[in-house]
Amino acid sequence: MIQPYRIHIERRDFKRNMARFYSLSIEPDLFGGAALVRRWGRIGKSGQRRIDLHAGEDAAVRQFLLLLGAKRRRGYRPVGDGL
């Protein structure tokens, strides 16, 4: 059973007219694996989506944490209750 991994982070810089969001979630796929779902774009817009399929939850969690760390280093911060 896939554990609920989900986070919504934002980066805002009003001097540069920047207001971006990035969300990550791990969801079960139809084949018993795990899907890492990424959504990103400008706050207030629908943005883009990418789904990466993994054989198991462990691989999806590793990629989730790597991506989250990279975004945090670029200035993204959590907002709200996760998503």
C-alpha atoms as a PDB file:
ATOM      1  CA  MET A   1       0.000   0.000   0.000  1.00  0.00           C
ATOM      2  CA  ILE A   2       1.366   3.415  -1.000  1.00  0.00           C
ATOM      3  CA  GLN A   3       1.820   5.878   1.856  1.00  0.00           C
ATOM      4  CA  PRO A   4       0.432   9.404   1.316  1.00  0.00           C
ATOM      5  CA  TYR A   5       3.349  11.560   0.177  1.00  0.00           C
ATOM      6  CA  ARG A   6       2.149  14.970  -0.943  1.00  0.00           C
ATOM      7  CA  ILE A   7       3.514  18.509  -0.738  1.00  0.00           C
ATOM      8  CA  HIS A   8       2.753  21.876  -2.306  1.00  0.00           C
ATOM      9  CA  ILE A   9       5.530  24.486  -2.345  1.00  0.00           C
ATOM     10  CA  GLU A  10       5.710  28.022  -3.711  1.00  0.00           C
ATOM     11  CA  ARG A  11       8.310  30.595  -4.619  1.00  0.00           C
ATOM     12  CA  ARG A  12       7.416  34.273  -4.712  1.00  0.00           C
ATOM     13  CA  ASP A  13       9.642  37.204  -5.582  1.00  0.00           C
ATOM     14  CA  PHE A  14       7.628  40.350  -6.185  1.00  0.00           C
ATOM     15  CA  LYS A  15      10.642  42.334  -7.398  1.00  0.00           C
ATOM     16  CA  ARG A  16      11.040  39.852 -10.271  1.00  0.00           C
ATOM     17  CA  ASN A  17       7.266  39.351 -10.789  1.00  0.00           C
ATOM     18  CA  MET A  18       7.713  35.685  -9.849  1.00  0.00           C
ATOM     19  CA  ALA A  19       4.930  33.603  -8.341  1.00  0.00           C
ATOM     20  CA  ARG A  20       5.438  29.894  -8.986  1.00  0.00           C
ATOM     21  CA  PHE A  21       4.143  26.672  -7.514  1.00  0.00           C
ATOM     22  CA  TYR A  22       5.424  23.114  -7.520  1.00  0.00           C
ATOM     23  CA  SER A  23       3.597  20.111  -6.121  1.00  0.00           C
ATOM     24  CA  LEU A  24       4.682  16.515  -5.691  1.00  0.00           C
ATOM     25  CA  SER A  25       2.644  13.452  -4.825  1.00  0.00           C
ATOM     26  CA  ILE A  26       3.121   9.699  -4.894  1.00  0.00           C
ATOM     27  CA  GLU A  27       0.116   7.696  -6.015  1.00  0.00           C
ATOM     28  CA  PRO A  28      -0.452   4.015  -6.809  1.00  0.00           C
ATOM     29  CA  ASP A  29      -0.470   3.078 -10.490  1.00  0.00           C
ATOM     30  CA  LEU A  30      -2.565   0.419 -12.210  1.00  0.00           C
ATOM     31  CA  PHE A  31       0.275  -2.123 -12.272  1.00  0.00           C
ATOM     32  CA  GLY A  32       1.116  -2.275  -8.556  1.00  0.00           C
ATOM     33  CA  GLY A  33       3.908   0.289  -8.732  1.00  0.00           C
ATOM     34  CA  ALA A  34       4.108   3.903  -7.690  1.00  0.00           C
ATOM     35  CA  ALA A  35       3.654   7.034  -9.769  1.00  0.00           C
ATOM     36  CA  LEU A  36       5.397  10.277  -8.851  1.00  0.00           C
ATOM     37  CA  VAL A  37       3.145  13.091 -10.041  1.00  0.00           C
ATOM     38  CA  ARG A  38       4.658  16.562 -10.465  1.00  0.00           C
ATOM     39  CA  ARG A  39       2.727  19.740 -11.200  1.00  0.00           C
ATOM     40  CA  TRP A  40       4.296  23.158 -11.686  1.00  0.00           C
ATOM     41  CA  GLY A  41       3.641  26.580 -13.120  1.00  0.00           C
ATOM     42  CA  ARG A  42       2.601  30.115 -12.320  1.00  0.00           C
ATOM     43  CA  ILE A  43       0.331  30.535  -9.306  1.00  0.00           C
ATOM     44  CA  GLY A  44      -3.250  30.967 -10.510  1.00  0.00           C
ATOM     45  CA  LYS A  45      -2.720  28.995 -13.731  1.00  0.00           C
ATOM     46  CA  SER A  46      -3.200  25.285 -14.382  1.00  0.00           C
ATOM     47  CA  GLY A  47       0.492  24.750 -15.206  1.00  0.00           C
ATOM     48  CA  GLN A  48       2.063  21.543 -16.440  1.00  0.00           C
ATOM     49  CA  ARG A  49       2.094  17.950 -15.227  1.00  0.00           C
ATOM     50  CA  ARG A  50       4.526  15.061 -15.467  1.00  0.00           C
ATOM     51  CA  ILE A  51       4.088  11.495 -14.227  1.00  0.00           C
ATOM     52  CA  ASP A  52       7.108   9.265 -13.571  1.00  0.00           C
ATOM     53  CA  LEU A  53       6.360   5.566 -13.091  1.00  0.00           C
ATOM     54  CA  HIS A  54       8.405   3.477 -10.630  1.00  0.00           C
ATOM     55  CA  ALA A  55       8.419  -0.244  -9.891  1.00  0.00           C
ATOM     56  CA  GLY A  56       8.027   0.388  -6.168  1.00  0.00           C
ATOM     57  CA  GLU A  57       7.356   3.004  -3.539  1.00  0.00           C
ATOM     58  CA  ASP A  58      11.008   3.174  -2.419  1.00  0.00           C
ATOM     59  CA  ALA A  59      12.247   4.431  -5.794  1.00  0.00           C
ATOM     60  CA  ALA A  60       9.420   6.969  -5.994  1.00  0.00           C
ATOM     61  CA  VAL A  61      10.186   8.272  -2.485  1.00  0.00           C
ATOM     62  CA  ARG A  62      13.885   8.668  -3.338  1.00  0.00           C
ATOM     63  CA  GLN A  63      13.033  10.773  -6.395  1.00  0.00           C
ATOM     64  CA  PHE A  64      10.411  12.712  -4.390  1.00  0.00           C
ATOM     65  CA  LEU A  65      13.027  13.673  -1.772  1.00  0.00           C
ATOM     66  CA  LEU A  66      15.668  14.568  -4.385  1.00  0.00           C
ATOM     67  CA  LEU A  67      13.275  16.860  -6.243  1.00  0.00           C
ATOM     68  CA  LEU A  68      12.009  18.434  -3.025  1.00  0.00           C
ATOM     69  CA  GLY A  69      15.566  19.148  -1.882  1.00  0.00           C
ATOM     70  CA  ALA A  70      16.445  20.767  -5.202  1.00  0.00           C
ATOM     71  CA  LYS A  71      13.366  22.991  -5.099  1.00  0.00           C
ATOM     72  CA  ARG A  72      13.995  23.985  -1.467  1.00  0.00           C
ATOM     73  CA  ARG A  73      17.542  25.047  -2.397  1.00  0.00           C
ATOM     74  CA  ARG A  74      16.049  27.260  -5.135  1.00  0.00           C
ATOM     75  CA  GLY A  75      13.829  29.079  -2.631  1.00  0.00           C
ATOM     76  CA  TYR A  76      10.544  27.155  -2.717  1.00  0.00           C
ATOM     77  CA  ARG A  77       8.766  26.907   0.660  1.00  0.00           C
ATOM     78  CA  PRO A  78       5.768  24.821   1.846  1.00  0.00           C
ATOM     79  CA  VAL A  79       2.377  26.497   2.096  1.00  0.00           C
ATOM     80  CA  GLY A  80      -0.897  25.403   3.655  1.00  0.00           C
ATOM     81  CA  ASP A  81      -1.421  21.825   4.793  1.00  0.00           C
ATOM     82  CA  GLY A  82       0.496  20.123   1.971  1.00  0.00           C
ATOM     83  CA  LEU A  83      -1.966  20.312  -0.930  1.00  0.00           C
END
